[in-house]
Amino acid sequence: MEVPAGQDGIQRLLAAEQEAQAIVAKARKAKSDRLKQAKEEAEREIAAFKAEREADFKRKVNDHGSSSQDNVVRLAEQSSKAVQGIQESIGQKKKHVLDLLMHHVTEVKLVKY
């Protein structure tokens, strides 16, 4: 059976169109696969970066936490020493201050108007 000349051209065009559709579908699938792969890789990198930053943060918190505890102890010691010094100063000056107060309270001055 002989195909007319016009029909042969149409058949070749249909075949070329099908081939082009197959190439486009293959390219779309490859693009989709690359996007999925890139997304998975980015998620892995993000997870690794996040884990690294969290570990760094925890390390810093632990470092400063012990340092902070040391500061609390040091400040408590300084405060108790300051309070003790104030109490000693009060003890040393108490008699003198009481004597001054008694003198000013019991002394009578005549005021002329």
Protein backbone atom coordinates (compact mmCIF):
# COMPACT_ATOMS: atom_id res chain seq x y z
CA MET A 1 0.00 0.00 0.00
CA GLU A 2 1.38 3.26 -1.06
CA VAL A 3 1.05 6.35 1.14
CA PRO A 4 0.16 9.55 -0.70
CA ALA A 5 2.86 12.24 -0.60
CA GLY A 6 0.84 14.60 1.67
CA GLN A 7 0.12 11.82 4.14
CA ASP A 8 3.80 10.97 4.51
CA GLY A 9 4.60 14.53 5.60
CA ILE A 10 1.80 14.52 8.14
CA GLN A 11 2.96 11.18 9.57
CA ARG A 12 6.50 12.50 9.94
CA LEU A 13 5.20 15.66 11.64
CA LEU A 14 3.13 13.58 14.09
CA ALA A 15 6.13 11.38 14.83
CA ALA A 16 8.34 14.45 15.37
CA GLU A 17 5.71 15.97 17.66
CA GLN A 18 5.54 12.78 19.73
CA GLU A 19 9.31 12.68 19.93
CA ALA A 20 9.40 16.34 21.05
CA GLN A 21 6.76 15.63 23.70
CA ALA A 22 8.83 12.72 24.98
CA ILE A 23 11.96 14.92 25.14
CA VAL A 24 10.05 17.68 26.99
CA ALA A 25 8.54 15.14 29.44
CA LYS A 26 12.00 13.66 30.06
CA ALA A 27 13.45 17.17 30.65
CA ARG A 28 10.62 18.06 33.06
CA LYS A 29 11.20 14.85 35.01
CA ALA A 30 14.95 15.53 35.15
CA LYS A 31 14.28 19.08 36.35
CA SER A 32 11.85 17.80 38.98
CA ASP A 33 14.40 15.22 40.15
CA ARG A 34 17.14 17.87 40.38
CA LEU A 35 14.84 20.17 42.39
CA LYS A 36 13.99 17.35 44.81
CA GLN A 37 17.66 16.48 45.17
CA ALA A 38 18.59 20.15 45.76
CA LYS A 39 15.81 20.50 48.33
CA GLU A 40 16.95 17.39 50.21
CA GLU A 41 20.55 18.57 50.15
CA ALA A 42 19.54 22.03 51.41
CA GLU A 43 17.51 20.45 54.22
CA ARG A 44 20.50 18.34 55.25
CA GLU A 45 22.77 21.40 55.24
CA ILE A 46 20.22 23.39 57.25
CA ALA A 47 19.88 20.57 59.79
CA ALA A 48 23.67 20.32 60.13
CA PHE A 49 24.03 24.10 60.50
CA LYS A 50 21.23 24.19 63.06
CA ALA A 51 22.76 21.33 65.05
CA GLU A 52 26.15 23.07 64.99
CA ARG A 53 24.66 26.36 66.20
CA GLU A 54 22.64 24.65 68.94
CA ALA A 55 25.73 22.81 70.17
CA ASP A 56 27.67 26.09 70.16
CA PHE A 57 24.86 27.81 72.06
CA LYS A 58 24.65 25.03 74.65
CA ARG A 59 28.42 25.12 75.10
CA LYS A 60 28.33 28.88 75.65
CA VAL A 61 25.42 28.58 78.09
CA ASN A 62 27.31 25.93 80.04
CA ASP A 63 30.49 28.01 80.01
CA HIS A 64 28.69 31.14 81.15
CA GLY A 65 26.47 29.15 83.49
CA SER A 66 29.41 28.00 85.58
CA SER A 67 30.91 31.46 85.33
CA SER A 68 27.59 32.93 86.38
CA GLN A 69 27.45 30.59 89.37
CA ASP A 70 30.98 31.66 90.29
CA ASN A 71 29.87 35.29 90.07
CA VAL A 72 26.94 34.59 92.40
CA VAL A 73 29.25 33.02 94.97
CA ARG A 74 31.78 35.85 94.65
CA LEU A 75 29.09 38.54 95.01
CA ALA A 76 27.58 36.78 98.04
CA GLU A 77 31.02 36.73 99.70
CA GLN A 78 31.60 40.41 98.89
CA SER A 79 28.16 41.32 100.25
CA SER A 80 28.70 39.44 103.50
CA LYS A 81 32.12 41.11 103.94
CA ALA A 82 30.56 44.53 103.29
CA VAL A 83 27.78 43.88 105.82
CA GLN A 84 30.33 42.68 108.39
CA GLY A 85 32.43 45.83 107.82
CA ILE A 86 29.38 48.06 108.30
CA GLN A 87 28.43 46.25 111.52
CA GLU A 88 31.98 46.65 112.86
CA SER A 89 31.90 50.34 112.00
CA ILE A 90 28.57 50.71 113.82
CA GLY A 91 30.01 48.94 116.86
CA GLN A 92 33.04 51.23 116.93
CA LYS A 93 31.07 54.49 116.53
CA LYS A 94 27.94 53.59 118.50
CA LYS A 95 29.12 54.94 121.87
CA HIS A 96 30.40 58.19 120.37
CA VAL A 97 27.16 58.80 118.44
CA LEU A 98 25.04 58.07 121.54
CA ASP A 99 27.16 60.46 123.60
CA LEU A 100 26.71 63.21 120.99
CA LEU A 101 22.95 62.65 120.85
CA MET A 102 22.62 62.70 124.65
CA HIS A 103 24.70 65.86 124.86
CA HIS A 104 22.56 67.70 122.29
CA VAL A 105 19.30 66.46 123.77
CA THR A 106 20.15 67.30 127.38
CA GLU A 107 21.92 70.62 126.79
CA VAL A 108 19.72 73.61 127.34
CA LYS A 109 20.49 76.83 125.55
CA LEU A 110 18.88 80.09 126.32
CA VAL A 111 17.66 81.81 123.25
CA LYS A 112 16.94 85.50 123.39
CA TYR A 113 14.12 86.82 121.24
